[in-house]
């Protein structure tokens, strides 16, 4: 369904966004929300009076937590099959996010590393929701490669 805005144009919704990782196709989850943070380490040098003389920023990383519904859309979907789809990426596994920001956007779109600490929540009369903490290190959007 098309959206119509009046006044200023503001970022709105995440319709069409996808996430995928080994063992979980883009059709298995439906992103519902995210929280993105920008972090880095600051080193400070002080003079003999204890005042800051200079500061250095290093080790930048972006962290994002994705919330997504677990769903089954392929073939003839059944609840029994959908219940088998809730899973987590491998430790430090690569997760691909798409269609969160613009086609050429790299702030959110692209590859991320799974940081562990994910959760799968469900309740009587409610949908299953998967929460995945992800990170990306450095000033480029590339994730750290998995080394076996």
C-alpha atoms as a PDB file:
ATOM      1  CA  UNK A   1       0.000   0.000   0.000  1.00  0.00           C
ATOM      2  CA  UNK A   2       1.400   3.397  -0.989  1.00  0.00           C
ATOM      3  CA  UNK A   3       2.119   5.995   1.684  1.00  0.00           C
ATOM      4  CA  UNK A   4       1.300   9.670   1.295  1.00  0.00           C
ATOM      5  CA  UNK A   5       3.110  12.363   3.282  1.00  0.00           C
ATOM      6  CA  UNK A   6       2.422  16.029   3.758  1.00  0.00           C
ATOM      7  CA  UNK A   7       4.814  18.625   5.115  1.00  0.00           C
ATOM      8  CA  UNK A   8       8.426  17.494   5.448  1.00  0.00           C
ATOM      9  CA  UNK A   9       9.602  14.140   4.102  1.00  0.00           C
ATOM     10  CA  UNK A  10      10.799  12.009   7.003  1.00  0.00           C
ATOM     11  CA  UNK A  11      12.196   8.473   7.135  1.00  0.00           C
ATOM     12  CA  UNK A  12       9.236   6.188   7.770  1.00  0.00           C
ATOM     13  CA  UNK A  13       8.831   2.440   8.189  1.00  0.00           C
ATOM     14  CA  UNK A  14      10.943  -0.477   7.051  1.00  0.00           C
ATOM     15  CA  UNK A  15       8.555  -2.149   4.592  1.00  0.00           C
ATOM     16  CA  UNK A  16      10.341  -4.509   2.231  1.00  0.00           C
ATOM     17  CA  UNK A  17      13.432  -4.868   4.425  1.00  0.00           C
ATOM     18  CA  UNK A  18      15.037  -8.306   4.557  1.00  0.00           C
ATOM     19  CA  UNK A  19      17.637 -10.208   6.537  1.00  0.00           C
ATOM     20  CA  UNK A  20      19.289 -13.512   5.707  1.00  0.00           C
ATOM     21  CA  UNK A  21      22.004 -15.796   7.046  1.00  0.00           C
ATOM     22  CA  UNK A  22      23.181 -19.357   6.445  1.00  0.00           C
ATOM     23  CA  UNK A  23      20.186 -21.602   7.119  1.00  0.00           C
ATOM     24  CA  UNK A  24      17.663 -18.753   7.046  1.00  0.00           C
ATOM     25  CA  UNK A  25      16.411 -17.287   3.766  1.00  0.00           C
ATOM     26  CA  UNK A  26      15.021 -13.766   3.393  1.00  0.00           C
ATOM     27  CA  UNK A  27      11.486 -15.201   3.336  1.00  0.00           C
ATOM     28  CA  UNK A  28      11.807 -16.763   6.824  1.00  0.00           C
ATOM     29  CA  UNK A  29      11.902 -13.457   8.706  1.00  0.00           C
ATOM     30  CA  UNK A  30       9.999 -10.193   8.415  1.00  0.00           C
ATOM     31  CA  UNK A  31      11.932  -7.296  10.030  1.00  0.00           C
ATOM     32  CA  UNK A  32       9.764  -5.255  12.407  1.00  0.00           C
ATOM     33  CA  UNK A  33      12.255  -2.786  13.842  1.00  0.00           C
ATOM     34  CA  UNK A  34      15.873  -1.924  14.537  1.00  0.00           C
ATOM     35  CA  UNK A  35      18.098   0.107  16.831  1.00  0.00           C
ATOM     36  CA  UNK A  36      21.418   1.393  15.428  1.00  0.00           C
ATOM     37  CA  UNK A  37      24.342   2.823  17.415  1.00  0.00           C
ATOM     38  CA  UNK A  38      27.721   4.313  16.461  1.00  0.00           C
ATOM     39  CA  UNK A  39      30.570   3.593  18.898  1.00  0.00           C
ATOM     40  CA  UNK A  40      34.322   4.177  19.046  1.00  0.00           C
ATOM     41  CA  UNK A  41      37.137   4.343  21.574  1.00  0.00           C
ATOM     42  CA  UNK A  42      38.552   7.740  22.601  1.00  0.00           C
ATOM     43  CA  UNK A  43      42.112   8.092  23.913  1.00  0.00           C
ATOM     44  CA  UNK A  44      43.040  11.343  25.664  1.00  0.00           C
ATOM     45  CA  UNK A  45      46.425  12.861  26.507  1.00  0.00           C
ATOM     46  CA  UNK A  46      46.544  15.269  29.460  1.00  0.00           C
ATOM     47  CA  UNK A  47      48.985  17.993  30.409  1.00  0.00           C
ATOM     48  CA  UNK A  48      50.672  18.304  33.806  1.00  0.00           C
ATOM     49  CA  UNK A  49      47.573  20.077  35.181  1.00  0.00           C
ATOM     50  CA  UNK A  50      45.310  17.199  34.185  1.00  0.00           C
ATOM     51  CA  UNK A  51      43.610  19.059  31.340  1.00  0.00           C
ATOM     52  CA  UNK A  52      42.989  17.332  28.029  1.00  0.00           C
ATOM     53  CA  UNK A  53      45.561  18.294  25.383  1.00  0.00           C
ATOM     54  CA  UNK A  54      44.439  16.037  22.578  1.00  0.00           C
ATOM     55  CA  UNK A  55      41.973  13.301  21.793  1.00  0.00           C
ATOM     56  CA  UNK A  56      42.148  10.401  19.339  1.00  0.00           C
ATOM     57  CA  UNK A  57      39.191   8.390  18.094  1.00  0.00           C
ATOM     58  CA  UNK A  58      39.773   4.785  16.976  1.00  0.00           C
ATOM     59  CA  UNK A  59      38.161   1.377  16.602  1.00  0.00           C
ATOM     60  CA  UNK A  60      34.839   2.604  15.219  1.00  0.00           C
ATOM     61  CA  UNK A  61      32.007   0.102  15.154  1.00  0.00           C
ATOM     62  CA  UNK A  62      28.347   0.189  14.341  1.00  0.00           C
ATOM     63  CA  UNK A  63      25.977  -2.009  16.310  1.00  0.00           C
ATOM     64  CA  UNK A  64      22.422  -2.811  15.316  1.00  0.00           C
ATOM     65  CA  UNK A  65      19.722  -4.909  16.909  1.00  0.00           C
ATOM     66  CA  UNK A  66      17.128  -6.266  14.499  1.00  0.00           C
ATOM     67  CA  UNK A  67      13.664  -7.464  15.554  1.00  0.00           C
ATOM     68  CA  UNK A  68      11.903  -9.771  13.094  1.00  0.00           C
ATOM     69  CA  UNK A  69       8.857 -12.034  12.949  1.00  0.00           C
ATOM     70  CA  UNK A  70       9.482 -15.715  12.172  1.00  0.00           C
ATOM     71  CA  UNK A  71       7.276 -16.728   9.243  1.00  0.00           C
ATOM     72  CA  UNK A  72       6.781 -19.294   6.517  1.00  0.00           C
ATOM     73  CA  UNK A  73       5.713 -18.071   3.095  1.00  0.00           C
ATOM     74  CA  UNK A  74       7.125 -20.677   0.685  1.00  0.00           C
ATOM     75  CA  UNK A  75       5.156 -23.634  -0.654  1.00  0.00           C
ATOM     76  CA  UNK A  76       2.083 -24.527   1.408  1.00  0.00           C
ATOM     77  CA  UNK A  77       2.780 -22.813   4.750  1.00  0.00           C
ATOM     78  CA  UNK A  78       1.772 -24.662   7.920  1.00  0.00           C
ATOM     79  CA  UNK A  79       2.221 -23.752  11.577  1.00  0.00           C
ATOM     80  CA  UNK A  80       4.189 -26.976  12.179  1.00  0.00           C
ATOM     81  CA  UNK A  81       6.708 -25.975   9.493  1.00  0.00           C
ATOM     82  CA  UNK A  82       6.864 -22.332  10.642  1.00  0.00           C
ATOM     83  CA  UNK A  83       7.759 -23.462  14.179  1.00  0.00           C
ATOM     84  CA  UNK A  84      10.900 -25.147  12.780  1.00  0.00           C
ATOM     85  CA  UNK A  85      12.210 -21.884  11.321  1.00  0.00           C
ATOM     86  CA  UNK A  86      13.206 -20.027  14.488  1.00  0.00           C
ATOM     87  CA  UNK A  87      17.009 -20.194  14.617  1.00  0.00           C
ATOM     88  CA  UNK A  88      20.147 -18.135  15.180  1.00  0.00           C
ATOM     89  CA  UNK A  89      23.131 -17.450  12.920  1.00  0.00           C
ATOM     90  CA  UNK A  90      26.379 -19.272  13.655  1.00  0.00           C
ATOM     91  CA  UNK A  91      28.761 -17.644  16.157  1.00  0.00           C
ATOM     92  CA  UNK A  92      30.108 -14.459  14.528  1.00  0.00           C
ATOM     93  CA  UNK A  93      28.237 -15.531  11.378  1.00  0.00           C
ATOM     94  CA  UNK A  94      27.539 -13.101   8.574  1.00  0.00           C
ATOM     95  CA  UNK A  95      24.008 -11.667   8.359  1.00  0.00           C
ATOM     96  CA  UNK A  96      22.943  -9.706   5.272  1.00  0.00           C
ATOM     97  CA  UNK A  97      20.519  -6.786   5.616  1.00  0.00           C
ATOM     98  CA  UNK A  98      18.823  -5.301   2.548  1.00  0.00           C
ATOM     99  CA  UNK A  99      16.300  -2.564   1.732  1.00  0.00           C
ATOM    100  CA  UNK A 100      16.588  -0.790   5.089  1.00  0.00           C
ATOM    101  CA  UNK A 101      18.083   2.413   3.697  1.00  0.00           C
ATOM    102  CA  UNK A 102      18.175   3.606   0.084  1.00  0.00           C
ATOM    103  CA  UNK A 103      19.271   1.367  -2.777  1.00  0.00           C
ATOM    104  CA  UNK A 104      22.817   2.721  -2.540  1.00  0.00           C
ATOM    105  CA  UNK A 105      22.688   3.230   1.219  1.00  0.00           C
ATOM    106  CA  UNK A 106      25.368   1.554   3.297  1.00  0.00           C
ATOM    107  CA  UNK A 107      24.575   2.753   6.816  1.00  0.00           C
ATOM    108  CA  UNK A 108      22.340  -0.279   7.445  1.00  0.00           C
ATOM    109  CA  UNK A 109      22.301  -2.324   4.223  1.00  0.00           C
ATOM    110  CA  UNK A 110      25.075  -4.858   3.740  1.00  0.00           C
ATOM    111  CA  UNK A 111      26.832  -7.549   5.745  1.00  0.00           C
ATOM    112  CA  UNK A 112      27.119  -7.659   9.533  1.00  0.00           C
ATOM    113  CA  UNK A 113      28.528 -10.076  12.115  1.00  0.00           C
ATOM    114  CA  UNK A 114      26.244 -11.815  14.617  1.00  0.00           C
ATOM    115  CA  UNK A 115      27.414 -10.945  18.162  1.00  0.00           C
ATOM    116  CA  UNK A 116      25.506 -13.629  20.082  1.00  0.00           C
ATOM    117  CA  UNK A 117      22.974 -12.778  22.760  1.00  0.00           C
ATOM    118  CA  UNK A 118      20.064 -13.101  20.352  1.00  0.00           C
ATOM    119  CA  UNK A 119      16.645 -14.135  21.574  1.00  0.00           C
ATOM    120  CA  UNK A 120      13.582 -15.878  20.250  1.00  0.00           C
ATOM    121  CA  UNK A 121      10.423 -14.819  22.059  1.00  0.00           C
ATOM    122  CA  UNK A 122       6.936 -16.218  21.785  1.00  0.00           C
ATOM    123  CA  UNK A 123       3.820 -16.263  23.924  1.00  0.00           C
ATOM    124  CA  UNK A 124       0.329 -17.688  23.927  1.00  0.00           C
ATOM    125  CA  UNK A 125      -1.731 -15.783  21.402  1.00  0.00           C
ATOM    126  CA  UNK A 126       1.332 -13.986  20.034  1.00  0.00           C
ATOM    127  CA  UNK A 127       3.806 -14.186  17.188  1.00  0.00           C
ATOM    128  CA  UNK A 128       7.387 -15.421  17.481  1.00  0.00           C
ATOM    129  CA  UNK A 129       9.920 -12.591  17.364  1.00  0.00           C
ATOM    130  CA  UNK A 130      13.628 -13.072  16.706  1.00  0.00           C
ATOM    131  CA  UNK A 131      16.066 -10.464  18.056  1.00  0.00           C
ATOM    132  CA  UNK A 132      19.600 -10.390  16.631  1.00  0.00           C
ATOM    133  CA  UNK A 133      22.455  -8.185  17.931  1.00  0.00           C
ATOM    134  CA  UNK A 134      24.839  -7.470  15.031  1.00  0.00           C
ATOM    135  CA  UNK A 135      28.004  -5.395  14.599  1.00  0.00           C
ATOM    136  CA  UNK A 136      30.250  -4.031  11.879  1.00  0.00           C
ATOM    137  CA  UNK A 137      33.779  -2.818  12.629  1.00  0.00           C
ATOM    138  CA  UNK A 138      35.785  -0.065  10.989  1.00  0.00           C
ATOM    139  CA  UNK A 139      34.766   2.896   8.877  1.00  0.00           C
ATOM    140  CA  UNK A 140      33.710   0.707   5.950  1.00  0.00           C
ATOM    141  CA  UNK A 141      30.478  -1.278   5.750  1.00  0.00           C
ATOM    142  CA  UNK A 142      32.282  -4.620   5.275  1.00  0.00           C
ATOM    143  CA  UNK A 143      31.891  -7.188   8.033  1.00  0.00           C
ATOM    144  CA  UNK A 144      34.767  -9.095   9.575  1.00  0.00           C
ATOM    145  CA  UNK A 145      35.341 -12.324   7.646  1.00  0.00           C
ATOM    146  CA  UNK A 146      34.728 -15.583   9.469  1.00  0.00           C
ATOM    147  CA  UNK A 147      37.941 -17.608   9.856  1.00  0.00           C
ATOM    148  CA  UNK A 148      37.681 -21.334  10.546  1.00  0.00           C
END
